[in-house]
Each structure stands twice: as C-alpha cells, then as structure tokens.
C-alpha cells in the first residue's frame, strides 16, 4: 500500500498543504481555527510519512511526532481549562516535522535527474513547507511573548484567527512582499522575519535555479 502511495507522494503532500492554506475560504473561521486547522496539519504530517516511507528510521520518527500531535490535540479538546503546555507540545512536534520534511524534499528534488510533474510539485511543496516552518516560528514567538507582532488582530477577525493571520504574515514575508499591515516590533520577531525572508530567497536562487538548469539540459538532450 505504502509503495503505491509513494509514487504519488508529492501530489499527496502538496494537496494536504493547499487545504491548510486555503481551507478557511470554505469553512467558518472559528471552526477552522480550533478544530479543522489542527487536523489538517496532522493530515500533512501523515502525508509526510508517505513522502519519506523509503527511509524507515525517519518514518518511525515521523510516526512518533504524529502520536505526540494527536495526544496534544486530544488533550486540548478534553481539558476543561485551556493550557499552553499542549499547544507548545504540538508546535514543537510540527516545528521538527517541517525542518526535517523540508530538508528531505530538497534532497529528493536535488537528486532527481529527470524533471517531471512530480519534481515540480515537490519543488512547490518544499517552498510551502518553508512558509509553514516560518509560521510555527512566528506563532511560537507570539505565544511566548504576546505583542511581538503589531497588527495581528483586526476588528472584523478578532483573536480567534491568530493562525490565519500568522500564516498570512509568514508567507508574505517569505515572498518578500511585505505589505506592512503586520509588523514585527520586538528584536526576536524581527530576526524571525529576516530568517524567513532569507530562507525564501536561498530556496529560489539555489534549489529552483538548479531544477530549471536540469530541465534546460534535459530539453536540449
């Protein structure tokens, strides 16, 4: 079963990422923030297991991260009093996941000699993974030091859409658009913004350029 899914690993992973980014366009904000978004991140982790299924040790590591996130999510739903312990546990698990899965995607894309649809989807998925990694960096900063980012909470959205606003900020910074509606106002938040911007630029300049070069050589042959 896993061998059959591995053939479509980049498609599965890419689709799970798209649902995270644009799922809030379909579902009510509060429901998406509290219930659906954590489940979609878990689904992305499961897709990551398929992505690295050829590497058994890494697969078991992802399985442990999956168990941790499910435990933290279930505990959050069952607890009568909200606690940040489970939130930090989830963030730590996803932070490790996106670090490892981004490196793995880059490694797989870099090592493939023939550029095809799977490689292109893998290239896009790696870039989205960088944005999600930046999201968890910024979210952990805001949760640890509230007020690190100015302009997070709008009148029409409120604090219940923290995930949406932080996702938006991470990807806007990664893309180096920088509208300025959300501002990092602490030193730690500003360093995070620089890091996210650098990751995006290095990815485009090195990884994307390498794939384009392979495609040009392939086309010439």
N, C-alpha and C. Protein backbone atom coordinates (compact mmCIF):
# COMPACT_ATOMS: atom_id res chain seq x y z
N UNK A 1 0.84 -1.21 0.00
CA UNK A 1 0.00 0.00 0.00
C UNK A 1 0.88 1.26 0.00
N UNK A 2 1.86 1.28 0.91
CA UNK A 2 2.73 2.43 1.02
C UNK A 2 3.56 2.63 -0.25
N UNK A 3 3.95 1.52 -0.88
CA UNK A 3 4.73 1.62 -2.12
C UNK A 3 3.92 2.26 -3.25
N UNK A 4 2.63 1.94 -3.30
CA UNK A 4 1.76 2.54 -4.33
C UNK A 4 1.57 4.04 -4.08
N UNK A 5 1.41 4.39 -2.80
CA UNK A 5 1.22 5.80 -2.46
C UNK A 5 2.50 6.61 -2.67
N UNK A 6 3.65 5.96 -2.51
CA UNK A 6 4.92 6.66 -2.64
C UNK A 6 5.09 7.26 -4.03
N UNK A 7 4.53 6.61 -5.01
CA UNK A 7 4.61 7.10 -6.39
C UNK A 7 3.96 8.47 -6.52
N UNK A 8 2.95 8.71 -5.69
CA UNK A 8 2.21 9.98 -5.75
C UNK A 8 2.50 10.84 -4.50
N UNK A 9 3.66 10.65 -3.92
CA UNK A 9 3.98 11.29 -2.64
C UNK A 9 3.94 12.82 -2.72
N UNK A 10 4.46 13.38 -3.80
CA UNK A 10 4.49 14.84 -3.91
C UNK A 10 3.08 15.39 -4.13
N UNK A 11 2.25 14.68 -4.91
CA UNK A 11 0.87 15.12 -5.12
C UNK A 11 0.09 15.12 -3.80
N UNK A 12 0.25 14.05 -3.02
CA UNK A 12 -0.47 13.94 -1.74
C UNK A 12 -0.02 15.03 -0.78
N UNK A 13 1.28 15.23 -0.70
CA UNK A 13 1.81 16.23 0.22
C UNK A 13 1.38 17.63 -0.19
N UNK A 14 1.44 17.91 -1.48
CA UNK A 14 1.06 19.22 -1.99
C UNK A 14 -0.42 19.51 -1.72
N UNK A 15 -1.28 18.53 -1.96
CA UNK A 15 -2.71 18.72 -1.73
C UNK A 15 -3.00 18.98 -0.26
N UNK A 16 -2.33 18.27 0.64
CA UNK A 16 -2.55 18.48 2.07
C UNK A 16 -2.10 19.88 2.49
N UNK A 17 -1.08 20.42 1.84
CA UNK A 17 -0.63 21.78 2.15
C UNK A 17 -1.63 22.83 1.65
N UNK A 18 -2.18 22.59 0.48
CA UNK A 18 -3.16 23.52 -0.09
C UNK A 18 -4.40 23.64 0.80
N UNK A 19 -4.83 22.52 1.38
CA UNK A 19 -6.00 22.56 2.27
C UNK A 19 -5.72 23.39 3.52
N UNK A 20 -4.48 23.37 3.99
CA UNK A 20 -4.10 24.19 5.15
C UNK A 20 -4.16 25.67 4.79
N UNK A 21 -3.63 26.01 3.63
CA UNK A 21 -3.54 27.41 3.23
C UNK A 21 -4.89 28.03 2.90
N UNK A 22 -5.76 27.25 2.26
CA UNK A 22 -6.99 27.82 1.72
C UNK A 22 -8.28 27.21 2.29
N UNK A 23 -8.15 26.37 3.29
CA UNK A 23 -9.34 25.75 3.88
C UNK A 23 -10.27 26.74 4.54
N UNK A 24 -9.71 27.85 5.05
CA UNK A 24 -10.53 28.85 5.73
C UNK A 24 -11.46 29.59 4.77
N UNK A 25 -11.23 29.46 3.48
CA UNK A 25 -12.12 30.09 2.50
C UNK A 25 -13.44 29.34 2.39
N UNK A 26 -13.45 28.09 2.86
CA UNK A 26 -14.63 27.23 2.72
C UNK A 26 -15.38 27.08 4.05
N UNK A 27 -14.62 27.02 5.16
CA UNK A 27 -15.22 26.73 6.46
C UNK A 27 -15.27 27.97 7.33
N UNK A 28 -16.18 28.01 8.31
CA UNK A 28 -16.27 29.16 9.23
C UNK A 28 -14.96 29.36 9.98
N UNK A 29 -14.56 30.61 10.21
CA UNK A 29 -13.25 30.91 10.80
C UNK A 29 -12.98 30.23 12.14
N UNK A 30 -13.94 30.32 13.08
CA UNK A 30 -13.71 29.76 14.41
C UNK A 30 -13.58 28.25 14.34
N UNK A 31 -14.43 27.59 13.55
CA UNK A 31 -14.36 26.14 13.39
C UNK A 31 -13.03 25.74 12.74
N UNK A 32 -12.60 26.50 11.75
CA UNK A 32 -11.34 26.18 11.08
C UNK A 32 -10.17 26.37 12.03
N UNK A 33 -10.18 27.44 12.81
CA UNK A 33 -9.07 27.75 13.71
C UNK A 33 -8.93 26.71 14.82
N UNK A 34 -10.03 26.34 15.44
CA UNK A 34 -9.98 25.49 16.63
C UNK A 34 -9.98 23.99 16.35
N UNK A 35 -10.67 23.58 15.29
CA UNK A 35 -10.83 22.15 15.02
C UNK A 35 -10.15 21.71 13.74
N UNK A 36 -10.49 22.36 12.64
CA UNK A 36 -10.06 21.86 11.34
C UNK A 36 -8.57 22.08 11.07
N UNK A 37 -8.06 23.26 11.39
CA UNK A 37 -6.65 23.55 11.12
C UNK A 37 -5.70 22.56 11.79
N UNK A 38 -5.88 22.25 13.09
CA UNK A 38 -5.01 21.22 13.69
C UNK A 38 -5.11 19.87 13.00
N UNK A 39 -6.32 19.50 12.58
CA UNK A 39 -6.49 18.22 11.89
C UNK A 39 -5.81 18.23 10.52
N UNK A 40 -5.84 19.36 9.83
CA UNK A 40 -5.19 19.46 8.52
C UNK A 40 -3.67 19.40 8.66
N UNK A 41 -3.15 19.97 9.73
CA UNK A 41 -1.71 19.86 9.98
C UNK A 41 -1.32 18.41 10.26
N UNK A 42 -2.19 17.71 10.99
CA UNK A 42 -1.95 16.29 11.24
C UNK A 42 -1.99 15.50 9.93
N UNK A 43 -2.94 15.85 9.06
CA UNK A 43 -3.02 15.19 7.75
C UNK A 43 -1.77 15.45 6.93
N UNK A 44 -1.22 16.66 7.04
CA UNK A 44 0.02 16.98 6.34
C UNK A 44 1.19 16.16 6.89
N UNK A 45 1.15 15.91 8.19
CA UNK A 45 2.18 15.06 8.80
C UNK A 45 2.07 13.63 8.29
N UNK A 46 0.85 13.13 8.17
CA UNK A 46 0.63 11.79 7.61
C UNK A 46 1.14 11.72 6.17
N UNK A 47 0.87 12.77 5.40
CA UNK A 47 1.38 12.83 4.03
C UNK A 47 2.90 12.85 4.02
N UNK A 48 3.49 13.46 5.05
CA UNK A 48 4.95 13.46 5.17
C UNK A 48 5.50 12.06 5.42
N UNK A 49 4.74 11.25 6.13
CA UNK A 49 5.16 9.86 6.37
C UNK A 49 5.22 9.11 5.04
N UNK A 50 4.25 9.36 4.18
CA UNK A 50 4.27 8.75 2.85
C UNK A 50 5.48 9.25 2.06
N UNK A 51 5.79 10.52 2.22
CA UNK A 51 6.89 11.14 1.48
C UNK A 51 8.24 10.49 1.80
N UNK A 52 8.43 10.10 3.07
CA UNK A 52 9.72 9.54 3.47
C UNK A 52 9.63 8.05 3.79
N UNK A 53 8.62 7.39 3.24
CA UNK A 53 8.38 5.98 3.57
C UNK A 53 9.52 5.05 3.17
N UNK A 54 10.39 5.50 2.25
CA UNK A 54 11.54 4.68 1.86
C UNK A 54 12.64 4.71 2.90
N UNK A 55 12.57 5.66 3.80
CA UNK A 55 13.57 5.77 4.87
C UNK A 55 12.91 5.37 6.18
N UNK A 56 13.13 4.15 6.60
CA UNK A 56 12.39 3.55 7.71
C UNK A 56 12.60 4.28 9.04
N UNK A 57 13.85 4.62 9.34
CA UNK A 57 14.12 5.28 10.63
C UNK A 57 13.42 6.64 10.69
N UNK A 58 13.50 7.37 9.60
CA UNK A 58 12.84 8.67 9.55
C UNK A 58 11.33 8.52 9.59
N UNK A 59 10.84 7.44 9.01
CA UNK A 59 9.41 7.17 9.03
C UNK A 59 8.91 6.95 10.46
N UNK A 60 9.68 6.23 11.25
CA UNK A 60 9.30 6.00 12.64
C UNK A 60 9.38 7.29 13.44
N UNK A 61 10.33 8.13 13.12
CA UNK A 61 10.43 9.43 13.79
C UNK A 61 9.19 10.27 13.53
N UNK A 62 8.73 10.27 12.29
CA UNK A 62 7.50 11.00 11.94
C UNK A 62 6.29 10.37 12.63
N UNK A 63 6.30 9.05 12.77
CA UNK A 63 5.19 8.36 13.45
C UNK A 63 5.11 8.79 14.92
N UNK A 64 6.27 8.98 15.54
CA UNK A 64 6.30 9.46 16.93
C UNK A 64 5.76 10.88 17.01
N UNK A 65 6.17 11.73 16.06
CA UNK A 65 5.65 13.10 16.02
C UNK A 65 4.14 13.11 15.82
N UNK A 66 3.65 12.21 14.99
CA UNK A 66 2.20 12.10 14.77
C UNK A 66 1.49 11.73 16.05
N UNK A 67 2.04 10.77 16.80
CA UNK A 67 1.44 10.35 18.06
C UNK A 67 1.43 11.50 19.07
N UNK A 68 2.50 12.28 19.10
CA UNK A 68 2.58 13.42 20.01
C UNK A 68 1.53 14.47 19.67
N UNK A 69 1.38 14.78 18.38
CA UNK A 69 0.40 15.80 17.97
C UNK A 69 -1.03 15.34 18.24
N UNK A 70 -1.31 14.06 17.99
CA UNK A 70 -2.65 13.54 18.27
C UNK A 70 -2.95 13.57 19.76
N UNK A 71 -1.96 13.23 20.56
CA UNK A 71 -2.13 13.28 22.02
C UNK A 71 -2.40 14.71 22.49
N UNK A 72 -1.61 15.66 21.98
CA UNK A 72 -1.76 17.06 22.39
C UNK A 72 -3.11 17.62 21.94
N UNK A 73 -3.51 17.29 20.70
CA UNK A 73 -4.79 17.78 20.19
C UNK A 73 -5.96 17.18 20.97
N UNK A 74 -5.90 15.88 21.23
CA UNK A 74 -6.96 15.23 22.00
C UNK A 74 -7.04 15.75 23.42
N UNK A 75 -5.89 16.01 24.03
CA UNK A 75 -5.87 16.53 25.40
C UNK A 75 -6.44 17.94 25.46
N UNK A 76 -6.17 18.73 24.42
CA UNK A 76 -6.70 20.10 24.36
C UNK A 76 -8.22 20.09 24.29
N UNK A 77 -8.78 19.14 23.53
CA UNK A 77 -10.23 19.05 23.41
C UNK A 77 -10.88 18.56 24.69
N UNK A 78 -10.18 17.67 25.42
CA UNK A 78 -10.77 17.07 26.62
C UNK A 78 -10.59 17.93 27.87
N UNK A 79 -9.53 18.74 27.90
CA UNK A 79 -9.26 19.57 29.07
C UNK A 79 -10.34 20.64 29.23
N UNK A 80 -10.81 20.79 30.45
CA UNK A 80 -11.80 21.82 30.72
C UNK A 80 -11.15 23.20 30.76
N UNK A 81 -9.94 23.25 31.25
CA UNK A 81 -9.24 24.53 31.33
C UNK A 81 -8.12 24.54 30.29
N UNK A 82 -8.11 25.59 29.49
CA UNK A 82 -7.11 25.68 28.43
C UNK A 82 -5.70 25.80 29.02
N UNK A 83 -4.76 25.11 28.47
CA UNK A 83 -3.37 25.17 28.92
C UNK A 83 -2.46 25.29 27.71
N UNK A 84 -1.38 26.02 27.89
CA UNK A 84 -0.45 26.23 26.78
C UNK A 84 0.54 25.08 26.61
N UNK A 85 0.56 24.17 27.59
CA UNK A 85 1.52 23.07 27.52
C UNK A 85 1.30 22.23 26.28
N UNK A 86 0.05 21.90 26.01
CA UNK A 86 -0.27 21.07 24.84
C UNK A 86 -0.03 21.84 23.54
N UNK A 87 -0.27 23.16 23.57
CA UNK A 87 -0.01 23.98 22.38
C UNK A 87 1.48 23.99 22.04
N UNK A 88 2.30 24.15 23.07
CA UNK A 88 3.75 24.14 22.85
C UNK A 88 4.23 22.76 22.40
N UNK A 89 3.60 21.71 22.93
CA UNK A 89 3.97 20.36 22.53
C UNK A 89 3.67 20.14 21.05
N UNK A 90 2.49 20.60 20.62
CA UNK A 90 2.14 20.50 19.21
C UNK A 90 3.09 21.30 18.33
N UNK A 91 3.39 22.53 18.76
CA UNK A 91 4.26 23.38 17.96
C UNK A 91 5.65 22.78 17.83
N UNK A 92 6.16 22.21 18.93
CA UNK A 92 7.50 21.59 18.88
C UNK A 92 7.52 20.42 17.90
N UNK A 93 6.46 19.61 17.93
CA UNK A 93 6.38 18.45 17.02
C UNK A 93 6.31 18.91 15.57
N UNK A 94 5.46 19.90 15.28
CA UNK A 94 5.34 20.38 13.91
C UNK A 94 6.59 21.12 13.46
N UNK A 95 7.23 21.83 14.37
CA UNK A 95 8.47 22.53 14.03
C UNK A 95 9.54 21.54 13.59
N UNK A 96 9.70 20.46 14.35
CA UNK A 96 10.66 19.42 13.97
C UNK A 96 10.27 18.78 12.65
N UNK A 97 8.97 18.54 12.49
CA UNK A 97 8.48 17.90 11.26
C UNK A 97 8.83 18.73 10.03
N UNK A 98 8.55 20.03 10.06
CA UNK A 98 8.76 20.86 8.88
C UNK A 98 10.24 21.11 8.60
N UNK A 99 11.06 21.09 9.64
CA UNK A 99 12.50 21.17 9.40
C UNK A 99 12.97 19.94 8.63
N UNK A 100 12.61 18.77 9.14
CA UNK A 100 13.08 17.52 8.55
C UNK A 100 12.46 17.30 7.17
N UNK A 101 11.15 17.55 7.01
CA UNK A 101 10.48 17.27 5.75
C UNK A 101 10.95 18.24 4.65
N UNK A 102 11.27 19.48 5.03
CA UNK A 102 11.78 20.42 4.03
C UNK A 102 13.15 19.98 3.53
N UNK A 103 14.01 19.55 4.45
CA UNK A 103 15.33 19.04 4.06
C UNK A 103 15.18 17.81 3.17
N UNK A 104 14.24 16.93 3.52
CA UNK A 104 14.03 15.71 2.74
C UNK A 104 13.51 16.02 1.34
N UNK A 105 12.58 16.96 1.23
CA UNK A 105 12.06 17.35 -0.08
C UNK A 105 13.17 17.94 -0.95
N UNK A 106 13.97 18.82 -0.35
CA UNK A 106 15.08 19.42 -1.09
C UNK A 106 16.06 18.34 -1.56
N UNK A 107 16.34 17.38 -0.68
CA UNK A 107 17.25 16.29 -1.03
C UNK A 107 16.71 15.46 -2.19
N UNK A 108 15.41 15.12 -2.12
CA UNK A 108 14.81 14.32 -3.18
C UNK A 108 14.76 15.08 -4.51
N UNK A 109 14.37 16.35 -4.44
CA UNK A 109 14.31 17.15 -5.67
C UNK A 109 15.70 17.34 -6.25
N UNK A 110 16.68 17.57 -5.40
CA UNK A 110 18.06 17.81 -5.85
C UNK A 110 18.64 16.57 -6.53
N UNK A 111 18.30 15.39 -6.01
CA UNK A 111 18.92 14.16 -6.51
C UNK A 111 18.25 13.60 -7.76
N UNK A 112 17.02 14.04 -8.05
CA UNK A 112 16.32 13.55 -9.24
C UNK A 112 16.94 14.16 -10.51
N UNK A 113 17.26 13.29 -11.46
CA UNK A 113 17.93 13.75 -12.67
C UNK A 113 16.95 14.19 -13.75
N UNK A 114 15.78 13.56 -13.80
CA UNK A 114 14.80 13.90 -14.82
C UNK A 114 13.69 14.76 -14.23
N UNK A 115 13.50 15.94 -14.77
CA UNK A 115 12.48 16.86 -14.27
C UNK A 115 11.13 16.52 -14.90
N UNK A 116 10.15 16.23 -14.03
CA UNK A 116 8.80 15.93 -14.48
C UNK A 116 7.80 16.61 -13.55
N UNK A 117 6.54 16.21 -13.68
CA UNK A 117 5.48 16.83 -12.87
C UNK A 117 5.73 16.63 -11.38
N UNK A 118 6.18 15.44 -10.98
CA UNK A 118 6.44 15.16 -9.57
C UNK A 118 7.50 16.08 -9.00
N UNK A 119 8.55 16.32 -9.78
CA UNK A 119 9.63 17.19 -9.33
C UNK A 119 9.12 18.62 -9.15
N UNK A 120 8.29 19.09 -10.06
CA UNK A 120 7.74 20.45 -9.96
C UNK A 120 6.87 20.58 -8.72
N UNK A 121 6.01 19.58 -8.49
CA UNK A 121 5.16 19.61 -7.29
C UNK A 121 6.00 19.52 -6.03
N UNK A 122 7.08 18.71 -6.08
CA UNK A 122 7.98 18.63 -4.94
C UNK A 122 8.67 19.96 -4.68
N UNK A 123 9.04 20.65 -5.75
CA UNK A 123 9.67 21.95 -5.62
C UNK A 123 8.72 22.96 -4.97
N UNK A 124 7.47 22.95 -5.41
CA UNK A 124 6.45 23.85 -4.83
C UNK A 124 6.19 23.49 -3.37
N UNK A 125 6.09 22.18 -3.09
CA UNK A 125 5.83 21.73 -1.72
C UNK A 125 6.95 22.14 -0.77
N UNK A 126 8.18 22.08 -1.25
CA UNK A 126 9.30 22.50 -0.42
C UNK A 126 9.22 23.97 -0.06
N UNK A 127 8.80 24.79 -1.00
CA UNK A 127 8.66 26.22 -0.76
C UNK A 127 7.53 26.50 0.23
N UNK A 128 6.41 25.78 0.06
CA UNK A 128 5.30 25.95 1.00
C UNK A 128 5.70 25.49 2.39
N UNK A 129 6.50 24.43 2.47
CA UNK A 129 6.97 23.93 3.77
C UNK A 129 7.82 24.98 4.49
N UNK A 130 8.59 25.74 3.73
CA UNK A 130 9.35 26.83 4.34
C UNK A 130 8.42 27.87 4.96
N UNK A 131 7.33 28.18 4.25
CA UNK A 131 6.35 29.12 4.79
C UNK A 131 5.68 28.60 6.05
N UNK A 132 5.38 27.31 6.07
CA UNK A 132 4.76 26.71 7.26
C UNK A 132 5.75 26.64 8.42
N UNK A 133 7.02 26.41 8.10
CA UNK A 133 8.05 26.44 9.13
C UNK A 133 8.15 27.84 9.73
N UNK A 134 8.13 28.86 8.86
CA UNK A 134 8.15 30.24 9.34
C UNK A 134 6.92 30.56 10.18
N UNK A 135 5.78 29.98 9.80
CA UNK A 135 4.55 30.17 10.57
C UNK A 135 4.71 29.69 12.00
N UNK A 136 5.27 28.50 12.19
CA UNK A 136 5.42 27.97 13.55
C UNK A 136 6.48 28.73 14.33
N UNK A 137 7.49 29.26 13.64
CA UNK A 137 8.48 30.11 14.34
C UNK A 137 7.79 31.36 14.87
N UNK A 138 7.03 32.03 14.01
CA UNK A 138 6.36 33.28 14.42
C UNK A 138 5.28 33.02 15.46
N UNK A 139 4.53 31.93 15.29
CA UNK A 139 3.47 31.62 16.24
C UNK A 139 4.04 31.33 17.63
N UNK A 140 5.16 30.61 17.68
CA UNK A 140 5.78 30.31 18.97
C UNK A 140 6.29 31.58 19.64
N UNK A 141 6.80 32.52 18.84
CA UNK A 141 7.26 33.80 19.39
C UNK A 141 6.10 34.59 19.96
N UNK A 142 4.99 34.66 19.21
CA UNK A 142 3.83 35.43 19.66
C UNK A 142 3.19 34.81 20.90
N UNK A 143 3.17 33.49 20.97
CA UNK A 143 2.57 32.82 22.14
C UNK A 143 3.45 32.97 23.37
N UNK A 144 4.77 32.99 23.17
CA UNK A 144 5.69 33.13 24.30
C UNK A 144 5.80 34.58 24.75
N UNK A 145 5.87 35.48 23.78
CA UNK A 145 5.97 36.92 24.07
C UNK A 145 4.84 37.65 23.35
N UNK A 146 3.64 37.66 23.94
CA UNK A 146 2.48 38.31 23.30
C UNK A 146 2.78 39.77 22.97
N UNK A 147 2.33 40.19 21.78
CA UNK A 147 2.55 41.55 21.35
C UNK A 147 3.82 41.73 20.54
N UNK A 148 4.48 40.61 20.18
CA UNK A 148 5.70 40.71 19.38
C UNK A 148 5.42 41.19 17.97
N UNK A 149 4.17 40.98 17.53
CA UNK A 149 3.77 41.41 16.18
C UNK A 149 2.61 42.39 16.29
N UNK A 150 2.75 43.52 15.65
CA UNK A 150 1.71 44.54 15.67
C UNK A 150 0.79 44.38 14.47
N UNK A 151 -0.52 44.50 14.70
CA UNK A 151 -1.48 44.41 13.61
C UNK A 151 -2.03 43.01 13.37
N UNK A 152 -1.82 42.12 14.34
CA UNK A 152 -2.30 40.74 14.16
C UNK A 152 -3.82 40.65 14.23
N UNK A 153 -4.41 41.39 15.14
CA UNK A 153 -5.83 41.24 15.40
C UNK A 153 -6.60 42.42 14.80
N UNK A 154 -7.44 42.10 13.84
CA UNK A 154 -8.30 43.11 13.22
C UNK A 154 -9.65 43.12 13.90
N UNK A 155 -10.37 44.21 13.75
CA UNK A 155 -11.68 44.34 14.39
C UNK A 155 -12.65 43.28 13.87
N UNK A 156 -12.57 43.01 12.56
CA UNK A 156 -13.53 42.07 11.97
C UNK A 156 -13.14 40.61 12.15
N UNK A 157 -11.91 40.36 12.61
CA UNK A 157 -11.49 38.97 12.80
C UNK A 157 -11.39 38.60 14.26
N UNK A 158 -10.66 39.40 15.05
CA UNK A 158 -10.50 39.10 16.45
C UNK A 158 -9.40 38.08 16.69
N UNK A 159 -9.12 37.77 17.98
CA UNK A 159 -8.02 36.88 18.33
C UNK A 159 -8.23 35.43 17.93
N UNK A 160 -9.47 35.07 17.56
CA UNK A 160 -9.71 33.67 17.20
C UNK A 160 -9.09 33.29 15.86
N UNK A 161 -8.59 34.26 15.11
CA UNK A 161 -7.97 33.96 13.83
C UNK A 161 -6.47 34.19 13.84
N UNK A 162 -5.84 33.86 14.97
CA UNK A 162 -4.39 34.03 15.10
C UNK A 162 -3.66 33.16 14.09
N UNK A 163 -4.12 31.92 13.89
CA UNK A 163 -3.48 31.02 12.94
C UNK A 163 -3.50 31.61 11.54
N UNK A 164 -4.65 32.11 11.12
CA UNK A 164 -4.79 32.69 9.79
C UNK A 164 -3.87 33.89 9.59
N UNK A 165 -3.82 34.76 10.58
CA UNK A 165 -3.01 35.98 10.46
C UNK A 165 -1.52 35.65 10.44
N UNK A 166 -1.12 34.67 11.25
CA UNK A 166 0.29 34.31 11.29
C UNK A 166 0.71 33.57 10.03
N UNK A 167 -0.19 32.75 9.48
CA UNK A 167 0.08 32.10 8.20
C UNK A 167 0.28 33.14 7.10
N UNK A 168 -0.61 34.09 7.10
CA UNK A 168 -0.54 35.19 6.11
C UNK A 168 0.78 35.93 6.24
N UNK A 169 1.15 36.28 7.45
CA UNK A 169 2.39 37.04 7.66
C UNK A 169 3.62 36.24 7.22
N UNK A 170 3.65 34.97 7.57
CA UNK A 170 4.80 34.13 7.22
C UNK A 170 5.00 34.05 5.72
N UNK A 171 3.93 33.83 4.98
CA UNK A 171 4.06 33.68 3.53
C UNK A 171 4.30 35.01 2.83
N UNK A 172 3.73 36.10 3.35
CA UNK A 172 4.00 37.41 2.78
C UNK A 172 5.48 37.78 2.97
N UNK A 173 6.03 37.38 4.12
CA UNK A 173 7.45 37.63 4.38
C UNK A 173 8.32 36.73 3.53
N UNK A 174 7.94 35.46 3.41
CA UNK A 174 8.70 34.51 2.58
C UNK A 174 8.75 34.97 1.13
N UNK A 175 7.64 35.52 0.65
CA UNK A 175 7.56 36.00 -0.73
C UNK A 175 8.18 37.38 -0.90
N UNK A 176 8.64 37.97 0.21
CA UNK A 176 9.25 39.31 0.25
C UNK A 176 8.31 40.38 -0.31
N UNK A 177 7.01 40.20 -0.08
CA UNK A 177 6.03 41.22 -0.50
C UNK A 177 6.00 42.35 0.53
N UNK A 178 5.75 41.97 1.80
CA UNK A 178 5.82 42.94 2.89
C UNK A 178 4.87 44.10 2.77
N UNK A 179 3.56 43.85 2.91
CA UNK A 179 2.58 44.94 2.83
C UNK A 179 2.70 45.92 3.99
N UNK A 180 3.16 45.45 5.13
CA UNK A 180 3.33 46.33 6.27
C UNK A 180 2.14 46.40 7.20
N UNK A 181 1.09 45.58 6.93
CA UNK A 181 -0.07 45.59 7.83
C UNK A 181 0.22 44.85 9.13
N UNK A 182 1.16 43.90 9.10
CA UNK A 182 1.62 43.23 10.32
C UNK A 182 3.11 43.52 10.45
N UNK A 183 3.51 44.02 11.63
CA UNK A 183 4.89 44.44 11.83
C UNK A 183 5.53 43.69 12.99
N UNK A 184 6.74 43.16 12.82
CA UNK A 184 7.48 42.59 13.96
C UNK A 184 8.09 43.74 14.76
N UNK A 185 7.73 43.86 16.02
CA UNK A 185 8.15 45.03 16.80
C UNK A 185 9.14 44.69 17.90
N UNK A 186 9.41 43.40 18.13
CA UNK A 186 10.45 43.02 19.08
C UNK A 186 11.66 42.50 18.31
N UNK A 187 12.80 42.50 18.97
CA UNK A 187 14.03 42.07 18.31
C UNK A 187 13.93 40.62 17.83
N UNK A 188 13.35 39.75 18.65
CA UNK A 188 13.22 38.34 18.29
C UNK A 188 12.32 38.17 17.08
N UNK A 189 11.21 38.89 17.05
CA UNK A 189 10.28 38.82 15.91
C UNK A 189 10.93 39.35 14.64
N UNK A 190 11.73 40.39 14.77
CA UNK A 190 12.41 40.96 13.61
C UNK A 190 13.45 40.00 13.05
N UNK A 191 14.18 39.32 13.95
CA UNK A 191 15.15 38.32 13.50
C UNK A 191 14.44 37.18 12.77
N UNK A 192 13.27 36.79 13.28
CA UNK A 192 12.50 35.74 12.63
C UNK A 192 12.08 36.16 11.22
N UNK A 193 11.68 37.42 11.07
CA UNK A 193 11.28 37.94 9.75
C UNK A 193 12.45 37.90 8.78
N UNK A 194 13.63 38.27 9.24
CA UNK A 194 14.83 38.21 8.39
C UNK A 194 15.13 36.77 7.99
N UNK A 195 15.02 35.85 8.96
CA UNK A 195 15.29 34.44 8.68
C UNK A 195 14.34 33.88 7.63
N UNK A 196 13.05 34.19 7.76
CA UNK A 196 12.05 33.69 6.80
C UNK A 196 12.33 34.24 5.41
N UNK A 197 12.64 35.53 5.33
CA UNK A 197 12.95 36.13 4.04
C UNK A 197 14.18 35.52 3.40
N UNK A 198 15.21 35.26 4.20
CA UNK A 198 16.43 34.64 3.67
C UNK A 198 16.17 33.22 3.18
N UNK A 199 15.38 32.47 3.93
CA UNK A 199 15.06 31.10 3.52
C UNK A 199 14.38 31.09 2.16
N UNK A 200 13.44 32.00 1.97
CA UNK A 200 12.74 32.06 0.69
C UNK A 200 13.65 32.41 -0.46
N UNK A 201 14.56 33.37 -0.23
CA UNK A 201 15.47 33.79 -1.30
C UNK A 201 16.49 32.71 -1.64
N UNK A 202 17.05 32.07 -0.63
CA UNK A 202 18.01 30.99 -0.86
C UNK A 202 17.36 29.84 -1.62
N UNK A 203 16.11 29.54 -1.27
CA UNK A 203 15.41 28.45 -1.94
C UNK A 203 15.23 28.75 -3.43
N UNK A 204 14.80 29.97 -3.72
CA UNK A 204 14.56 30.35 -5.12
C UNK A 204 15.86 30.41 -5.92
N UNK A 205 16.89 30.98 -5.30
CA UNK A 205 18.15 31.19 -6.01
C UNK A 205 18.91 29.88 -6.23
N UNK A 206 18.87 28.99 -5.24
CA UNK A 206 19.68 27.77 -5.32
C UNK A 206 18.87 26.58 -5.83
N UNK A 207 17.82 26.20 -5.10
CA UNK A 207 17.08 24.98 -5.42
C UNK A 207 16.29 25.12 -6.72
N UNK A 208 15.51 26.19 -6.82
CA UNK A 208 14.71 26.40 -8.03
C UNK A 208 15.60 26.57 -9.26
N UNK A 209 16.67 27.32 -9.10
CA UNK A 209 17.58 27.53 -10.23
C UNK A 209 18.22 26.21 -10.67
N UNK A 210 18.54 25.34 -9.72
CA UNK A 210 19.13 24.04 -10.07
C UNK A 210 18.16 23.18 -10.86
N UNK A 211 16.89 23.19 -10.45
CA UNK A 211 15.87 22.40 -11.16
C UNK A 211 15.66 22.97 -12.57
N UNK A 212 15.61 24.28 -12.69
CA UNK A 212 15.46 24.91 -14.01
C UNK A 212 16.64 24.54 -14.91
N UNK A 213 17.84 24.53 -14.33
CA UNK A 213 19.01 24.15 -15.09
C UNK A 213 18.95 22.72 -15.58
N UNK A 214 18.47 21.83 -14.71
CA UNK A 214 18.31 20.43 -15.11
C UNK A 214 17.29 20.30 -16.24
N UNK A 215 16.22 21.07 -16.16
CA UNK A 215 15.18 20.99 -17.18
C UNK A 215 15.71 21.50 -18.52
N UNK A 216 16.50 22.56 -18.50
CA UNK A 216 17.05 23.11 -19.74
C UNK A 216 17.99 22.08 -20.39
N UNK A 217 18.84 21.46 -19.56
CA UNK A 217 19.75 20.44 -20.09
C UNK A 217 18.99 19.24 -20.64
N UNK A 218 17.91 18.87 -19.92
CA UNK A 218 17.07 17.75 -20.35
C UNK A 218 16.40 18.07 -21.68
N UNK A 219 15.93 19.30 -21.83
CA UNK A 219 15.27 19.73 -23.06
C UNK A 219 16.25 19.75 -24.24
N UNK A 220 17.47 20.18 -23.98
CA UNK A 220 18.47 20.23 -25.04
C UNK A 220 18.83 18.82 -25.54
N UNK A 221 18.90 17.85 -24.61
CA UNK A 221 19.22 16.49 -24.99
C UNK A 221 18.09 15.85 -25.79
